N, C-alpha and C. Protein backbone atom coordinates (compact mmCIF):
# COMPACT_ATOMS: atom_id res chain seq x y z
N UNK A 1 1.76 17.25 59.83
CA UNK A 1 1.87 17.61 61.21
C UNK A 1 2.29 16.08 61.83
N UNK A 2 1.42 15.31 61.47
CA UNK A 2 1.48 14.02 62.17
C UNK A 2 2.86 13.41 62.14
N UNK A 3 3.49 13.54 60.79
CA UNK A 3 4.71 12.85 60.53
C UNK A 3 5.79 13.86 61.42
N UNK A 4 5.58 15.12 61.50
CA UNK A 4 6.54 15.75 62.35
C UNK A 4 6.64 15.18 63.53
N UNK A 5 5.43 15.06 64.19
CA UNK A 5 5.41 14.62 65.73
C UNK A 5 5.74 13.14 65.92
N UNK A 6 5.53 12.48 65.03
CA UNK A 6 6.19 11.04 64.95
C UNK A 6 7.54 11.00 64.79
N UNK A 7 7.98 11.74 64.32
CA UNK A 7 9.48 12.09 64.28
C UNK A 7 10.14 12.27 65.55
N UNK A 8 9.45 13.20 66.18
CA UNK A 8 9.76 13.72 67.53
C UNK A 8 9.69 12.74 68.69
N UNK A 9 8.49 12.00 68.39
CA UNK A 9 8.16 10.85 69.43
C UNK A 9 9.19 9.95 69.17
N UNK A 10 9.47 9.29 68.15
CA UNK A 10 10.85 8.70 67.78
C UNK A 10 11.97 9.15 68.40
N UNK A 11 12.32 10.41 68.13
CA UNK A 11 13.55 10.98 68.72
C UNK A 11 13.53 10.66 70.41
N UNK A 12 12.22 11.35 70.76
CA UNK A 12 12.18 11.27 72.40
C UNK A 12 12.51 9.61 72.74
N UNK A 13 12.05 8.77 72.12
CA UNK A 13 12.55 7.26 72.72
C UNK A 13 14.01 6.97 72.39
N UNK A 14 14.62 7.55 71.23
CA UNK A 14 16.01 7.21 71.18
C UNK A 14 16.68 8.26 72.01
N UNK A 15 16.23 9.27 72.42
CA UNK A 15 17.13 10.12 73.64
C UNK A 15 17.09 9.69 74.87
N UNK A 16 15.98 8.98 75.29
CA UNK A 16 15.77 8.38 76.49
C UNK A 16 16.88 7.32 76.42
N UNK A 17 16.87 6.36 75.64
CA UNK A 17 17.65 5.27 75.51
C UNK A 17 18.85 5.51 75.65
N UNK A 18 19.46 6.54 75.11
CA UNK A 18 21.09 7.29 75.28
C UNK A 18 21.23 7.83 76.60
N UNK A 19 20.23 8.33 77.16
CA UNK A 19 20.37 8.63 78.57
C UNK A 19 20.53 7.62 79.68
N UNK A 20 19.40 6.74 79.55
CA UNK A 20 19.44 5.41 80.23
C UNK A 20 20.64 4.65 80.26
N UNK A 21 21.30 4.58 78.88
CA UNK A 21 22.45 3.77 78.98
C UNK A 21 23.82 4.66 79.80
N UNK A 22 23.79 5.84 79.62
CA UNK A 22 24.64 6.82 80.32
C UNK A 22 24.62 6.74 82.06
N UNK A 23 23.50 6.12 82.25
CA UNK A 23 23.16 6.29 83.84
C UNK A 23 23.50 5.05 84.48
N UNK A 24 23.88 3.99 83.62
CA UNK A 24 24.10 2.47 84.02
C UNK A 24 25.35 2.57 85.15
N UNK A 25 26.21 3.40 84.65
CA UNK A 25 27.81 3.31 85.48
C UNK A 25 27.41 4.16 86.77
N UNK A 26 26.41 4.81 86.99
CA UNK A 26 26.28 5.63 88.44
C UNK A 26 25.92 4.69 89.68
N UNK A 27 26.53 5.05 90.69
CA UNK A 27 26.18 4.25 91.73
C UNK A 27 24.94 4.87 92.47
N UNK A 28 24.33 3.88 93.14
CA UNK A 28 22.70 4.74 93.75
C UNK A 28 23.11 5.97 94.52
N UNK A 29 23.93 6.11 94.98
CA UNK A 29 24.33 7.40 95.83
C UNK A 29 24.18 8.58 94.82
N UNK A 30 25.18 8.56 93.83
CA UNK A 30 25.08 9.57 92.77
C UNK A 30 23.66 9.70 92.17
N UNK A 31 22.91 8.45 91.78
CA UNK A 31 21.67 8.67 90.96
C UNK A 31 20.68 9.30 91.88
N UNK A 32 20.68 9.05 93.14
CA UNK A 32 19.78 9.82 94.11
C UNK A 32 20.25 11.04 94.70
N UNK A 33 21.32 11.37 94.68
CA UNK A 33 21.99 12.25 95.30
C UNK A 33 20.88 13.95 94.73
N UNK A 34 20.74 14.75 95.86
CA UNK A 34 20.15 15.87 95.61
C UNK A 34 21.10 17.14 95.25
N UNK A 35 21.10 17.56 94.05
CA UNK A 35 21.94 18.42 93.44
C UNK A 35 21.54 19.79 93.46
N UNK A 36 20.24 19.95 94.12
CA UNK A 36 19.50 21.43 93.89
C UNK A 36 18.41 21.60 92.72
N UNK A 37 18.50 20.56 91.97
CA UNK A 37 17.30 20.89 90.90
C UNK A 37 15.59 20.97 91.42
N UNK A 38 15.17 21.51 90.76
CA UNK A 38 13.54 21.51 91.22
C UNK A 38 13.22 20.18 91.96
N UNK A 39 13.50 19.15 91.04
CA UNK A 39 13.06 17.89 91.72
C UNK A 39 14.35 17.03 92.26
N UNK A 40 15.32 17.66 92.60
CA UNK A 40 16.30 17.07 93.65
C UNK A 40 17.52 16.75 92.88
N UNK A 41 17.44 15.54 92.09
CA UNK A 41 18.70 14.89 91.52
C UNK A 41 18.05 14.24 90.21
N UNK A 42 18.88 13.18 89.93
CA UNK A 42 18.44 12.48 88.64
C UNK A 42 17.27 11.62 88.95
N UNK A 43 17.16 10.86 90.00
CA UNK A 43 15.87 10.17 90.24
C UNK A 43 14.58 11.16 90.29
N UNK A 44 14.78 11.98 91.08
CA UNK A 44 13.56 12.95 91.08
C UNK A 44 13.39 13.56 89.65
N UNK A 45 14.24 13.80 89.01
CA UNK A 45 14.15 14.52 87.61
C UNK A 45 13.21 13.40 86.71
N UNK A 46 13.88 12.13 86.75
CA UNK A 46 13.21 10.85 85.97
C UNK A 46 11.63 10.93 86.35
N UNK A 47 11.52 10.79 87.55
CA UNK A 47 10.14 10.57 88.21
C UNK A 47 9.24 11.51 87.58
N UNK A 48 9.87 12.93 87.65
CA UNK A 48 8.85 14.01 87.27
C UNK A 48 8.68 13.94 85.67
N UNK A 49 9.43 13.30 85.09
CA UNK A 49 9.22 13.26 83.70
C UNK A 49 8.12 12.37 83.35
N UNK A 50 8.27 11.13 84.13
CA UNK A 50 7.17 9.97 83.84
C UNK A 50 5.94 10.66 84.56
N UNK A 51 5.85 11.22 85.45
CA UNK A 51 4.50 11.85 86.04
C UNK A 51 3.96 13.01 85.02
N UNK A 52 4.78 13.75 84.45
CA UNK A 52 4.21 14.64 83.61
C UNK A 52 3.65 14.06 82.17
N UNK A 53 4.49 13.19 81.77
CA UNK A 53 4.22 12.52 80.57
C UNK A 53 2.67 11.81 80.72
N UNK A 54 2.88 11.04 81.85
CA UNK A 54 1.26 10.48 81.96
C UNK A 54 0.21 11.75 82.40
N UNK A 55 0.58 12.57 82.81
CA UNK A 55 -0.46 13.71 83.20
C UNK A 55 -0.88 14.17 81.67
N UNK A 56 0.10 14.60 80.90
CA UNK A 56 -0.29 15.10 79.56
C UNK A 56 -1.13 14.11 78.74
N UNK A 57 -0.87 12.72 78.88
CA UNK A 57 -1.24 11.79 78.09
C UNK A 57 -2.83 11.56 78.46
N UNK A 58 -3.15 11.78 79.88
CA UNK A 58 -4.62 11.69 80.16
C UNK A 58 -5.30 13.08 79.85
N UNK A 59 -4.37 14.09 79.94
CA UNK A 59 -5.23 15.23 79.19
C UNK A 59 -5.52 14.97 77.89
N UNK A 60 -4.60 14.56 76.98
CA UNK A 60 -4.95 14.50 75.69
C UNK A 60 -6.14 13.38 75.41
N UNK A 61 -6.15 12.49 76.44
CA UNK A 61 -7.25 11.54 76.07
C UNK A 61 -8.44 11.98 76.63
N UNK A 62 -8.49 12.96 77.35
CA UNK A 62 -9.58 13.71 78.00
C UNK A 62 -10.24 12.62 79.20
N UNK A 63 -9.06 12.24 79.92
CA UNK A 63 -9.32 11.42 81.24
C UNK A 63 -8.82 12.53 82.36
N UNK A 64 -9.32 11.86 83.53
CA UNK A 64 -9.00 12.82 84.90
C UNK A 64 -7.28 12.50 85.09
N UNK A 65 -6.75 13.47 85.34
CA UNK A 65 -5.34 13.73 85.72
C UNK A 65 -4.93 12.62 86.64
N UNK A 66 -3.94 11.83 86.41
CA UNK A 66 -3.76 10.71 87.49
C UNK A 66 -2.86 11.29 88.97
N UNK A 67 -2.56 12.35 88.69
CA UNK A 67 -1.75 13.02 89.75
C UNK A 67 -2.27 14.22 90.37
N UNK A 68 -2.04 14.58 91.42
CA UNK A 68 -2.34 15.60 92.05
C UNK A 68 -1.64 17.02 92.12
N UNK A 69 -0.36 16.32 92.17
CA UNK A 69 0.91 17.23 92.44
C UNK A 69 1.93 16.82 91.44
N UNK A 70 2.94 17.75 91.36
CA UNK A 70 4.16 17.44 90.49
C UNK A 70 5.18 16.66 91.46
N UNK A 71 4.63 16.58 92.67
CA UNK A 71 5.78 16.14 93.52
C UNK A 71 5.56 14.56 93.87
N UNK A 72 4.79 14.03 93.41
CA UNK A 72 4.30 12.55 93.69
C UNK A 72 5.51 11.77 93.39
N UNK A 73 6.02 10.65 94.20
CA UNK A 73 6.86 9.83 93.61
C UNK A 73 6.17 8.62 92.85
N UNK A 74 6.42 8.28 91.86
CA UNK A 74 5.46 7.07 91.22
C UNK A 74 6.10 5.78 91.42
N UNK A 75 7.64 5.72 91.29
CA UNK A 75 8.07 4.58 91.66
C UNK A 75 9.74 4.61 92.33
N UNK A 76 9.92 4.41 93.47
CA UNK A 76 11.02 4.39 94.25
C UNK A 76 12.32 3.53 93.13
N UNK A 77 12.09 2.61 92.70
CA UNK A 77 12.86 1.50 92.19
C UNK A 77 13.34 2.18 90.94
N UNK A 78 14.63 2.45 90.72
CA UNK A 78 15.62 2.79 89.57
C UNK A 78 14.92 2.30 88.36
N UNK A 79 15.37 0.70 88.28
CA UNK A 79 15.00 -0.03 86.91
C UNK A 79 13.69 -0.03 86.46
N UNK A 80 12.41 -0.03 87.54
CA UNK A 80 11.23 -0.32 87.16
C UNK A 80 10.77 1.43 86.71
N UNK A 81 11.28 2.54 87.07
CA UNK A 81 11.11 3.75 86.82
C UNK A 81 11.65 4.14 85.23
N UNK A 82 12.96 3.47 85.03
CA UNK A 82 13.29 3.54 83.82
C UNK A 82 12.39 2.83 82.72
N UNK A 83 11.91 1.63 82.97
CA UNK A 83 11.11 0.73 82.23
C UNK A 83 9.89 1.47 81.99
N UNK A 84 9.37 2.05 82.92
CA UNK A 84 8.27 3.09 82.94
C UNK A 84 8.27 3.98 81.53
N UNK A 85 9.27 4.65 81.78
CA UNK A 85 9.62 5.67 80.93
C UNK A 85 9.79 5.27 79.55
N UNK A 86 10.44 4.16 79.22
CA UNK A 86 10.60 3.69 78.06
C UNK A 86 9.27 3.46 77.66
N UNK A 87 8.32 2.55 78.41
CA UNK A 87 7.06 2.31 77.94
C UNK A 87 6.30 3.61 77.66
N UNK A 88 6.44 4.63 78.25
CA UNK A 88 5.63 5.80 78.28
C UNK A 88 5.76 6.49 76.93
N UNK A 89 7.05 6.46 76.89
CA UNK A 89 7.78 7.27 75.70
C UNK A 89 7.28 6.29 74.17
N UNK A 90 7.23 5.27 74.11
CA UNK A 90 6.66 4.41 73.26
C UNK A 90 5.24 4.53 72.86
N UNK A 91 4.50 4.83 74.05
CA UNK A 91 3.01 5.22 73.95
C UNK A 91 2.79 6.47 73.14
N UNK A 92 3.82 7.40 73.12
CA UNK A 92 3.12 8.53 72.25
C UNK A 92 3.05 8.17 70.69
N UNK A 93 3.92 7.32 70.17
CA UNK A 93 3.43 6.83 68.86
C UNK A 93 2.38 6.18 68.53
N UNK A 94 1.93 5.37 69.39
CA UNK A 94 0.37 4.82 69.21
C UNK A 94 -0.51 6.03 69.48
N UNK A 95 -0.33 6.92 70.17
CA UNK A 95 -1.32 8.24 70.28
C UNK A 95 -1.41 8.79 69.17
N UNK A 96 -0.28 9.11 68.73
CA UNK A 96 -0.36 10.02 67.38
C UNK A 96 -0.96 9.09 66.29
N UNK A 97 -0.63 7.86 66.11
CA UNK A 97 -1.03 7.32 65.04
C UNK A 97 -2.51 7.23 64.75
N UNK A 98 -2.89 7.03 65.85
CA UNK A 98 -4.63 6.88 66.26
C UNK A 98 -5.66 8.27 66.17
N UNK A 99 -4.53 9.41 65.99
CA UNK A 99 -5.09 10.88 65.99
C UNK A 99 -5.68 11.10 64.56
N UNK A 100 -6.75 11.59 64.33
CA UNK A 100 -7.16 12.22 63.22
C UNK A 100 -6.37 13.35 62.84
N UNK A 101 -5.89 13.89 61.63
CA UNK A 101 -5.23 15.08 61.27
C UNK A 101 -5.92 16.34 61.80
N UNK A 102 -7.16 16.45 61.89
CA UNK A 102 -7.85 17.69 62.44
C UNK A 102 -7.68 17.86 63.87
N UNK A 103 -7.23 16.89 64.61
CA UNK A 103 -7.10 17.09 66.08
C UNK A 103 -5.89 18.05 66.30
N UNK A 104 -4.90 18.19 65.49
CA UNK A 104 -3.79 18.93 65.69
C UNK A 104 -4.13 20.39 65.55
N UNK A 105 -5.30 20.79 65.05
CA UNK A 105 -5.80 22.15 64.91
C UNK A 105 -6.86 22.30 66.13
N UNK A 106 -7.16 21.62 66.61
CA UNK A 106 -8.25 21.63 67.86
C UNK A 106 -7.35 22.39 69.14
N UNK A 107 -8.20 22.55 70.04
CA UNK A 107 -8.04 23.17 71.36
C UNK A 107 -8.07 22.04 72.47
N UNK A 108 -7.49 22.14 73.46
CA UNK A 108 -7.48 21.22 74.64
C UNK A 108 -7.86 21.92 75.85
N UNK A 109 -9.00 21.47 76.46
CA UNK A 109 -9.22 21.98 77.67
C UNK A 109 -9.03 21.00 78.86
N UNK A 110 -8.22 21.60 79.79
CA UNK A 110 -7.74 20.50 80.90
C UNK A 110 -7.58 21.44 82.30
N UNK A 111 -7.59 20.95 83.37
CA UNK A 111 -7.24 21.58 84.57
C UNK A 111 -5.82 21.16 85.12
N UNK A 112 -4.94 22.24 85.49
CA UNK A 112 -3.54 22.29 85.78
C UNK A 112 -3.74 21.60 87.26
N UNK A 113 -2.55 21.23 87.46
CA UNK A 113 -2.14 20.69 88.84
C UNK A 113 -2.56 21.65 90.15
N UNK A 114 -2.66 23.05 89.58
CA UNK A 114 -2.87 24.30 90.54
C UNK A 114 -4.55 24.51 90.79
N UNK A 115 -5.27 23.54 89.70
CA UNK A 115 -6.88 23.62 89.75
C UNK A 115 -7.28 24.58 89.11
N UNK A 116 -6.39 25.33 88.08
CA UNK A 116 -6.81 26.41 86.92
C UNK A 116 -7.44 25.66 85.84
N UNK A 117 -8.25 26.13 85.22
CA UNK A 117 -9.04 25.66 83.93
C UNK A 117 -8.34 26.41 82.79
N UNK A 118 -7.79 25.62 81.75
CA UNK A 118 -7.26 26.06 80.59
C UNK A 118 -7.74 25.68 79.39
N UNK A 119 -7.86 26.36 78.38
CA UNK A 119 -8.01 25.87 77.00
C UNK A 119 -7.13 26.57 75.91
N UNK A 120 -6.32 25.64 75.68
CA UNK A 120 -4.97 25.78 74.76
C UNK A 120 -5.00 25.16 73.49
N UNK A 121 -4.29 25.33 72.27
CA UNK A 121 -3.92 24.59 71.04
C UNK A 121 -3.27 23.46 71.28
N UNK A 122 -3.92 22.26 70.87
CA UNK A 122 -3.08 21.07 70.93
C UNK A 122 -1.74 21.03 70.54
N UNK A 123 -1.50 21.47 69.15
CA UNK A 123 -0.17 21.52 68.53
C UNK A 123 1.02 22.16 69.63
N UNK A 124 0.89 23.07 69.97
CA UNK A 124 2.03 23.58 70.78
C UNK A 124 2.07 22.82 72.17
N UNK A 125 0.89 22.32 72.60
CA UNK A 125 0.85 21.62 73.78
C UNK A 125 1.77 20.24 73.56
N UNK A 126 1.14 19.57 72.46
CA UNK A 126 1.87 18.31 72.23
C UNK A 126 3.63 18.64 71.80
N UNK A 127 4.09 19.53 71.47
CA UNK A 127 5.32 19.81 71.07
C UNK A 127 6.01 19.86 72.84
N UNK A 128 5.05 20.66 73.51
CA UNK A 128 5.53 20.77 75.02
C UNK A 128 6.12 19.50 75.63
N UNK A 129 5.38 18.32 75.05
CA UNK A 129 5.74 17.21 75.86
C UNK A 129 7.14 16.74 75.42
N UNK A 130 7.48 16.85 74.40
CA UNK A 130 8.88 16.67 73.90
C UNK A 130 9.88 17.65 74.08
N UNK A 131 9.73 18.78 74.23
CA UNK A 131 10.49 19.78 74.68
C UNK A 131 10.75 19.77 76.06
N UNK A 132 9.79 19.44 76.93
CA UNK A 132 9.99 19.16 78.67
C UNK A 132 10.85 17.96 78.43
N UNK A 133 10.82 16.81 77.79
CA UNK A 133 11.76 15.87 78.06
C UNK A 133 12.97 16.33 77.44
N UNK A 134 13.27 16.96 76.62
CA UNK A 134 14.64 17.57 76.21
C UNK A 134 15.37 18.30 77.21
N UNK A 135 14.53 19.04 77.70
CA UNK A 135 14.74 20.07 78.85
C UNK A 135 15.49 19.18 80.03
N UNK A 136 14.60 18.40 80.63
CA UNK A 136 15.35 17.71 81.79
C UNK A 136 16.15 16.64 81.48
N UNK A 137 16.13 16.08 80.26
CA UNK A 137 17.53 15.34 79.81
C UNK A 137 18.76 15.98 79.75
N UNK A 138 18.32 17.29 79.62
CA UNK A 138 19.96 18.14 79.30
C UNK A 138 20.13 18.32 80.82
N UNK A 139 19.20 18.67 81.73
CA UNK A 139 19.84 18.85 83.25
C UNK A 139 20.50 17.60 83.89
N UNK A 140 19.85 16.27 83.23
CA UNK A 140 20.56 15.26 83.77
C UNK A 140 21.96 14.80 83.17
N UNK A 141 22.11 15.40 82.00
CA UNK A 141 23.39 15.27 81.26
C UNK A 141 24.26 16.37 82.03
N UNK A 142 23.76 17.25 82.62
CA UNK A 142 24.83 18.30 83.22
C UNK A 142 25.44 17.66 84.71
N UNK A 143 24.20 17.13 85.16
CA UNK A 143 24.64 16.28 86.55
C UNK A 143 25.56 15.10 86.28
N UNK A 144 25.39 14.36 85.46
CA UNK A 144 26.14 13.40 85.00
C UNK A 144 27.57 13.86 84.68
N UNK A 145 27.85 14.95 83.88
CA UNK A 145 29.07 15.63 83.77
C UNK A 145 29.87 15.88 84.85
N UNK A 146 28.87 16.53 85.88
CA UNK A 146 29.54 17.04 87.10
C UNK A 146 30.10 16.12 87.85
N UNK A 147 29.47 14.87 87.93
CA UNK A 147 29.75 13.69 88.72
C UNK A 147 31.03 12.85 88.12
N UNK A 148 31.60 13.39 86.84
CA UNK A 148 32.60 12.96 86.30
C UNK A 148 32.51 11.89 85.22
N UNK A 149 31.12 11.44 84.78
CA UNK A 149 30.55 10.46 83.90
C UNK A 149 30.52 11.04 82.66
N UNK A 150 30.71 10.10 81.58
CA UNK A 150 30.38 10.74 80.19
C UNK A 150 29.05 10.75 80.03
N UNK A 151 28.50 12.02 79.24
CA UNK A 151 27.45 12.38 79.10
C UNK A 151 27.00 11.73 77.81
N UNK A 152 25.48 11.77 77.36
CA UNK A 152 25.12 11.04 76.18
C UNK A 152 24.92 12.12 75.13
N UNK A 153 25.18 11.96 73.85
CA UNK A 153 25.06 12.74 72.80
C UNK A 153 23.49 12.53 72.37
N UNK A 154 22.73 13.55 72.58
CA UNK A 154 21.26 13.59 72.36
C UNK A 154 21.00 14.26 71.45
N UNK A 155 21.78 15.04 70.70
CA UNK A 155 20.89 15.87 69.89
C UNK A 155 20.21 15.51 68.35
N UNK A 156 19.29 16.30 68.16
CA UNK A 156 18.38 15.67 67.21
C UNK A 156 19.12 15.14 65.89
N UNK A 157 20.17 16.16 65.28
CA UNK A 157 21.01 15.53 64.12
C UNK A 157 21.38 14.16 64.33
N UNK A 158 22.08 13.72 65.39
CA UNK A 158 22.67 12.25 65.43
C UNK A 158 21.52 11.47 65.44
N UNK A 159 20.26 11.65 66.04
CA UNK A 159 19.12 10.67 65.83
C UNK A 159 18.91 10.51 64.20
N UNK A 160 18.69 11.72 63.77
CA UNK A 160 18.47 11.71 62.19
C UNK A 160 19.42 11.00 61.41
N UNK A 161 20.96 10.95 61.64
CA UNK A 161 21.78 10.17 61.14
C UNK A 161 21.68 8.89 61.45
N UNK A 162 21.32 8.32 62.67
CA UNK A 162 21.19 7.05 63.22
C UNK A 162 19.93 6.16 62.87
N UNK A 163 18.93 7.06 63.06
CA UNK A 163 17.78 6.33 63.03
C UNK A 163 16.99 6.49 61.44
N UNK A 164 15.74 5.97 61.44
CA UNK A 164 14.90 5.96 60.34
C UNK A 164 13.76 6.82 60.54
N UNK A 165 13.95 7.92 60.70
CA UNK A 165 12.60 8.83 61.10
C UNK A 165 11.47 8.97 60.34
N UNK A 166 10.30 9.19 60.73
CA UNK A 166 9.28 9.38 59.97
C UNK A 166 9.11 11.03 59.39
N UNK A 167 9.42 11.06 58.39
CA UNK A 167 9.14 12.45 57.78
C UNK A 167 8.69 12.62 56.39
């Protein structure tokens, strides 16, 4: 199980790198434009990704959630937000390497941002972190395309062909 998630963590970092490269040509107006997504546009969606990844990391590490709502802006600066997301994506590998194998069969108890207590299985919750990233990277790719820019190819088979996955 650990090797599978290490591969997903590597893919997650790789896909972010592809996405961030594709965002470089965008001017600030397009980058910040509200296009009607749940978190506005590209900046709001990237901010949401960082917030949620930090939130889940705190939950997995049995720490108090660092954010009260999903609407908090972590960093208004475009470049530092990208750097923070890159660092957070790299952090998942460190987390996984340190986990004992039995952790994947455990339950995770946490409090949602709505204040509800939950206890759910760790493995699908960990998968959710990477699925969540894929979902929102896809939204951003659609925005980029709509603005007339080239979209990044971020499919897992391309990662597997380019990278040295842990399997």
